[in-house]
């Protein structure tokens, strides 16, 4: 994800973890070089990526291992459902090895 302001460009990346039992949590977050590394690792492991600057900005304010806020459940559920779909999986597969998703 990329976060941009009117005066400067800041790149942010946020990775989510979902175990199928609790709300998704923040697995990693970073800006600039750290954001690039998060994206690189996700790509190297075949983790689906979703780019949304506004959502990245909101999620980047959360702490590691913090659950996403209830107000974001629907949008995150749609993103995770799509990520599972393109990998030929279902949300019921969550928590199994190789069932990660990133935003």
N, C-alpha and C. Protein backbone atom coordinates (compact mmCIF):
# COMPACT_ATOMS: atom_id res chain seq x y z
N UNK A 1 0.83 -1.17 0.00
CA UNK A 1 0.00 0.00 0.00
C UNK A 1 0.88 1.23 0.00
N UNK A 2 0.36 2.31 -0.50
CA UNK A 2 1.12 3.53 -0.54
C UNK A 2 0.31 4.65 0.08
N UNK A 3 0.96 5.41 0.93
CA UNK A 3 0.32 6.57 1.57
C UNK A 3 0.98 7.81 0.98
N UNK A 4 0.18 8.79 0.52
CA UNK A 4 0.74 10.00 -0.07
C UNK A 4 0.13 11.23 0.58
N UNK A 5 0.96 12.25 0.76
CA UNK A 5 0.47 13.53 1.25
C UNK A 5 0.68 14.57 0.16
N UNK A 6 0.12 15.76 0.34
CA UNK A 6 0.21 16.78 -0.69
C UNK A 6 1.63 17.32 -0.84
N UNK A 7 2.47 17.26 0.17
CA UNK A 7 3.80 17.84 0.11
C UNK A 7 4.90 16.83 -0.15
N UNK A 8 4.68 15.59 0.24
CA UNK A 8 5.71 14.58 0.04
C UNK A 8 5.06 13.23 -0.15
N UNK A 9 5.81 12.31 -0.70
CA UNK A 9 5.31 10.96 -0.91
C UNK A 9 5.92 10.05 0.14
N UNK A 10 5.09 9.35 0.87
CA UNK A 10 5.54 8.38 1.85
C UNK A 10 4.94 7.03 1.47
N UNK A 11 5.79 6.04 1.31
CA UNK A 11 5.31 4.71 0.99
C UNK A 11 5.18 3.92 2.28
N UNK A 12 4.02 3.32 2.47
CA UNK A 12 3.77 2.51 3.66
C UNK A 12 3.27 1.14 3.22
N UNK A 13 3.63 0.12 3.97
CA UNK A 13 3.13 -1.23 3.73
C UNK A 13 2.69 -1.82 5.05
N UNK A 14 1.61 -2.59 4.99
CA UNK A 14 1.06 -3.24 6.17
C UNK A 14 0.72 -4.68 5.79
N UNK A 15 1.17 -5.62 6.60
CA UNK A 15 0.84 -7.03 6.40
C UNK A 15 -0.12 -7.45 7.49
N UNK A 16 -1.12 -8.22 7.09
CA UNK A 16 -2.11 -8.71 8.05
C UNK A 16 -1.98 -10.22 8.20
N UNK A 17 -2.33 -10.68 9.38
CA UNK A 17 -2.35 -12.11 9.67
C UNK A 17 -3.77 -12.48 10.06
N UNK A 18 -4.26 -13.58 9.52
CA UNK A 18 -5.62 -14.04 9.83
C UNK A 18 -5.60 -15.53 10.10
N UNK A 19 -6.04 -15.92 11.30
CA UNK A 19 -6.01 -17.33 11.67
C UNK A 19 -7.36 -18.02 11.53
N UNK A 20 -8.37 -17.29 11.10
CA UNK A 20 -9.69 -17.88 10.91
C UNK A 20 -10.54 -17.92 12.16
N UNK A 21 -9.96 -17.56 13.29
CA UNK A 21 -10.70 -17.61 14.54
C UNK A 21 -10.94 -16.24 15.15
N UNK A 22 -9.97 -15.35 15.01
CA UNK A 22 -10.08 -14.00 15.57
C UNK A 22 -10.00 -13.00 14.43
N UNK A 23 -10.20 -11.74 14.75
CA UNK A 23 -10.07 -10.69 13.74
C UNK A 23 -8.63 -10.66 13.22
N UNK A 24 -8.44 -10.27 11.97
CA UNK A 24 -7.08 -10.13 11.45
C UNK A 24 -6.26 -9.17 12.32
N UNK A 25 -4.97 -9.44 12.40
CA UNK A 25 -4.07 -8.60 13.20
C UNK A 25 -2.95 -8.05 12.32
N UNK A 26 -2.31 -7.01 12.83
CA UNK A 26 -1.18 -6.41 12.13
C UNK A 26 0.05 -7.30 12.33
N UNK A 27 0.59 -7.83 11.25
CA UNK A 27 1.76 -8.70 11.31
C UNK A 27 3.05 -7.93 11.05
N UNK A 28 2.96 -6.87 10.26
CA UNK A 28 4.14 -6.05 9.96
C UNK A 28 3.66 -4.71 9.42
N UNK A 29 4.42 -3.68 9.69
CA UNK A 29 4.12 -2.36 9.16
C UNK A 29 5.42 -1.58 9.02
N UNK A 30 5.48 -0.75 8.01
CA UNK A 30 6.69 0.04 7.82
C UNK A 30 6.51 1.07 6.73
N UNK A 31 7.45 2.01 6.69
CA UNK A 31 7.45 3.03 5.66
C UNK A 31 8.79 2.99 4.93
N UNK A 32 8.80 3.59 3.75
CA UNK A 32 9.99 3.70 2.91
C UNK A 32 10.71 2.37 2.73
N UNK A 33 11.95 2.22 3.18
CA UNK A 33 12.72 1.01 2.94
C UNK A 33 12.08 -0.22 3.60
N UNK A 34 11.54 -0.04 4.80
CA UNK A 34 10.87 -1.16 5.47
C UNK A 34 9.64 -1.60 4.68
N UNK A 35 8.90 -0.65 4.13
CA UNK A 35 7.74 -0.96 3.31
C UNK A 35 8.16 -1.77 2.08
N UNK A 36 9.24 -1.36 1.45
CA UNK A 36 9.74 -2.09 0.29
C UNK A 36 10.13 -3.51 0.67
N UNK A 37 10.72 -3.69 1.84
CA UNK A 37 11.11 -5.03 2.29
C UNK A 37 9.88 -5.89 2.58
N UNK A 38 8.85 -5.31 3.18
CA UNK A 38 7.61 -6.06 3.44
C UNK A 38 7.01 -6.54 2.12
N UNK A 39 6.96 -5.66 1.14
CA UNK A 39 6.42 -6.02 -0.17
C UNK A 39 7.29 -7.09 -0.83
N UNK A 40 8.60 -6.96 -0.74
CA UNK A 40 9.50 -7.94 -1.34
C UNK A 40 9.29 -9.33 -0.72
N UNK A 41 9.20 -9.36 0.60
CA UNK A 41 9.00 -10.64 1.29
C UNK A 41 7.65 -11.25 0.90
N UNK A 42 6.63 -10.41 0.84
CA UNK A 42 5.31 -10.91 0.43
C UNK A 42 5.37 -11.51 -0.97
N UNK A 43 5.99 -10.80 -1.89
CA UNK A 43 6.10 -11.31 -3.27
C UNK A 43 6.89 -12.61 -3.31
N UNK A 44 8.01 -12.66 -2.57
CA UNK A 44 8.84 -13.86 -2.55
C UNK A 44 8.08 -15.08 -2.04
N UNK A 45 7.07 -14.86 -1.19
CA UNK A 45 6.30 -15.97 -0.62
C UNK A 45 4.93 -16.13 -1.26
N UNK A 46 4.70 -15.43 -2.35
CA UNK A 46 3.43 -15.58 -3.06
C UNK A 46 2.23 -15.03 -2.32
N UNK A 47 2.46 -14.09 -1.43
CA UNK A 47 1.38 -13.49 -0.66
C UNK A 47 0.70 -12.43 -1.54
N UNK A 48 -0.61 -12.52 -1.71
CA UNK A 48 -1.31 -11.52 -2.52
C UNK A 48 -1.15 -10.12 -1.94
N UNK A 49 -1.00 -9.14 -2.83
CA UNK A 49 -0.85 -7.74 -2.43
C UNK A 49 -2.07 -6.95 -2.87
N UNK A 50 -2.43 -5.98 -2.07
CA UNK A 50 -3.55 -5.09 -2.37
C UNK A 50 -3.08 -3.67 -2.11
N UNK A 51 -3.24 -2.79 -3.08
CA UNK A 51 -2.76 -1.42 -2.93
C UNK A 51 -3.92 -0.46 -2.69
N UNK A 52 -3.87 0.23 -1.54
CA UNK A 52 -4.89 1.21 -1.18
C UNK A 52 -4.25 2.18 -0.18
N UNK A 53 -3.93 3.38 -0.64
CA UNK A 53 -3.20 4.35 0.18
C UNK A 53 -3.97 4.74 1.43
N UNK A 54 -5.27 4.96 1.31
CA UNK A 54 -6.06 5.37 2.47
C UNK A 54 -6.12 4.26 3.52
N UNK A 55 -6.33 3.04 3.09
CA UNK A 55 -6.38 1.91 4.02
C UNK A 55 -5.02 1.70 4.67
N UNK A 56 -3.95 1.82 3.89
CA UNK A 56 -2.60 1.68 4.45
C UNK A 56 -2.35 2.71 5.53
N UNK A 57 -2.80 3.93 5.28
CA UNK A 57 -2.61 5.01 6.26
C UNK A 57 -3.32 4.69 7.58
N UNK A 58 -4.52 4.17 7.48
CA UNK A 58 -5.29 3.82 8.68
C UNK A 58 -4.63 2.66 9.42
N UNK A 59 -4.30 1.60 8.70
CA UNK A 59 -3.72 0.41 9.33
C UNK A 59 -2.32 0.67 9.89
N UNK A 60 -1.58 1.57 9.26
CA UNK A 60 -0.21 1.86 9.72
C UNK A 60 -0.20 2.51 11.10
N UNK A 61 -1.31 3.03 11.55
CA UNK A 61 -1.39 3.64 12.88
C UNK A 61 -1.56 2.60 13.99
N UNK A 62 -1.85 1.37 13.62
CA UNK A 62 -2.05 0.31 14.61
C UNK A 62 -0.71 -0.29 15.02
N UNK A 63 -0.70 -0.94 16.15
CA UNK A 63 0.51 -1.59 16.67
C UNK A 63 0.61 -3.02 16.17
N UNK A 64 1.81 -3.57 16.20
CA UNK A 64 2.00 -4.98 15.84
C UNK A 64 1.11 -5.85 16.71
N UNK A 65 0.54 -6.86 16.12
CA UNK A 65 -0.34 -7.83 16.76
C UNK A 65 -1.68 -7.26 17.20
N UNK A 66 -1.94 -5.99 16.90
CA UNK A 66 -3.24 -5.39 17.24
C UNK A 66 -4.29 -5.84 16.22
N UNK A 67 -5.49 -6.17 16.72
CA UNK A 67 -6.58 -6.53 15.82
C UNK A 67 -7.05 -5.31 15.05
N UNK A 68 -7.50 -5.56 13.82
CA UNK A 68 -8.04 -4.45 13.05
C UNK A 68 -9.32 -3.96 13.72
N UNK A 69 -9.64 -2.67 13.58
CA UNK A 69 -10.86 -2.15 14.21
C UNK A 69 -12.11 -2.71 13.53
N UNK A 70 -13.15 -2.84 14.32
CA UNK A 70 -14.41 -3.38 13.81
C UNK A 70 -14.93 -2.61 12.60
N UNK A 71 -14.65 -1.32 12.55
CA UNK A 71 -15.11 -0.51 11.42
C UNK A 71 -14.49 -0.93 10.09
N UNK A 72 -13.40 -1.70 10.14
CA UNK A 72 -12.74 -2.16 8.91
C UNK A 72 -13.03 -3.62 8.59
N UNK A 73 -13.84 -4.29 9.40
CA UNK A 73 -14.09 -5.71 9.18
C UNK A 73 -14.56 -6.00 7.76
N UNK A 74 -15.53 -5.24 7.27
CA UNK A 74 -16.11 -5.54 5.96
C UNK A 74 -15.07 -5.41 4.84
N UNK A 75 -14.35 -4.29 4.81
CA UNK A 75 -13.38 -4.08 3.73
C UNK A 75 -12.26 -5.11 3.81
N UNK A 76 -11.79 -5.42 5.00
CA UNK A 76 -10.72 -6.41 5.15
C UNK A 76 -11.25 -7.80 4.78
N UNK A 77 -12.48 -8.11 5.16
CA UNK A 77 -13.07 -9.41 4.81
C UNK A 77 -13.14 -9.57 3.29
N UNK A 78 -13.51 -8.51 2.58
CA UNK A 78 -13.58 -8.57 1.13
C UNK A 78 -12.19 -8.78 0.52
N UNK A 79 -11.20 -8.10 1.06
CA UNK A 79 -9.82 -8.25 0.57
C UNK A 79 -9.31 -9.66 0.84
N UNK A 80 -9.54 -10.15 2.06
CA UNK A 80 -9.10 -11.50 2.40
C UNK A 80 -9.82 -12.56 1.56
N UNK A 81 -11.12 -12.37 1.33
CA UNK A 81 -11.87 -13.32 0.51
C UNK A 81 -11.29 -13.37 -0.90
N UNK A 82 -10.96 -12.21 -1.45
CA UNK A 82 -10.35 -12.17 -2.77
C UNK A 82 -8.98 -12.85 -2.76
N UNK A 83 -8.17 -12.58 -1.72
CA UNK A 83 -6.85 -13.19 -1.62
C UNK A 83 -6.97 -14.72 -1.54
N UNK A 84 -7.92 -15.21 -0.76
CA UNK A 84 -8.13 -16.66 -0.68
C UNK A 84 -8.57 -17.19 -2.04
N UNK A 85 -9.50 -16.49 -2.69
CA UNK A 85 -10.04 -16.94 -3.97
C UNK A 85 -8.95 -17.08 -5.03
N UNK A 86 -8.07 -16.07 -5.15
CA UNK A 86 -7.05 -16.15 -6.20
C UNK A 86 -6.01 -17.22 -5.91
N UNK A 87 -5.98 -17.69 -4.68
CA UNK A 87 -5.06 -18.78 -4.32
C UNK A 87 -5.76 -20.14 -4.31
N UNK A 88 -7.05 -20.14 -4.71
CA UNK A 88 -7.80 -21.40 -4.76
C UNK A 88 -8.15 -21.94 -3.39
N UNK A 89 -8.29 -21.05 -2.43
CA UNK A 89 -8.60 -21.46 -1.05
C UNK A 89 -9.87 -20.78 -0.58
N UNK A 90 -10.29 -21.13 0.62
CA UNK A 90 -11.46 -20.50 1.23
C UNK A 90 -11.05 -19.97 2.61
N UNK A 91 -11.82 -19.05 3.18
CA UNK A 91 -11.50 -18.57 4.53
C UNK A 91 -11.41 -19.69 5.57
N UNK A 92 -12.11 -20.80 5.31
CA UNK A 92 -12.03 -21.93 6.24
C UNK A 92 -10.63 -22.54 6.28
N UNK A 93 -9.84 -22.26 5.23
CA UNK A 93 -8.46 -22.74 5.18
C UNK A 93 -7.51 -21.90 6.02
N UNK A 94 -7.99 -20.78 6.56
CA UNK A 94 -7.14 -19.86 7.33
C UNK A 94 -6.46 -20.60 8.47
N UNK A 95 -5.23 -20.22 8.72
CA UNK A 95 -4.47 -20.84 9.80
C UNK A 95 -3.61 -21.99 9.34
N UNK A 96 -3.89 -22.51 8.15
CA UNK A 96 -3.04 -23.57 7.61
C UNK A 96 -1.77 -22.96 7.06
N UNK A 97 -0.73 -23.76 6.99
CA UNK A 97 0.53 -23.29 6.42
C UNK A 97 0.29 -22.81 5.00
N UNK A 98 0.97 -21.73 4.60
CA UNK A 98 0.86 -21.12 3.27
C UNK A 98 -0.47 -20.42 3.04
N UNK A 99 -1.19 -20.06 4.07
CA UNK A 99 -2.44 -19.35 3.90
C UNK A 99 -2.35 -17.95 4.49
N UNK A 100 -1.36 -17.18 4.05
CA UNK A 100 -1.18 -15.80 4.49
C UNK A 100 -1.76 -14.88 3.45
N UNK A 101 -2.05 -13.67 3.86
CA UNK A 101 -2.50 -12.65 2.93
C UNK A 101 -1.94 -11.32 3.38
N UNK A 102 -1.65 -10.46 2.46
CA UNK A 102 -1.11 -9.13 2.80
C UNK A 102 -1.88 -8.06 2.08
N UNK A 103 -1.91 -6.90 2.70
CA UNK A 103 -2.59 -5.74 2.12
C UNK A 103 -1.60 -4.61 2.06
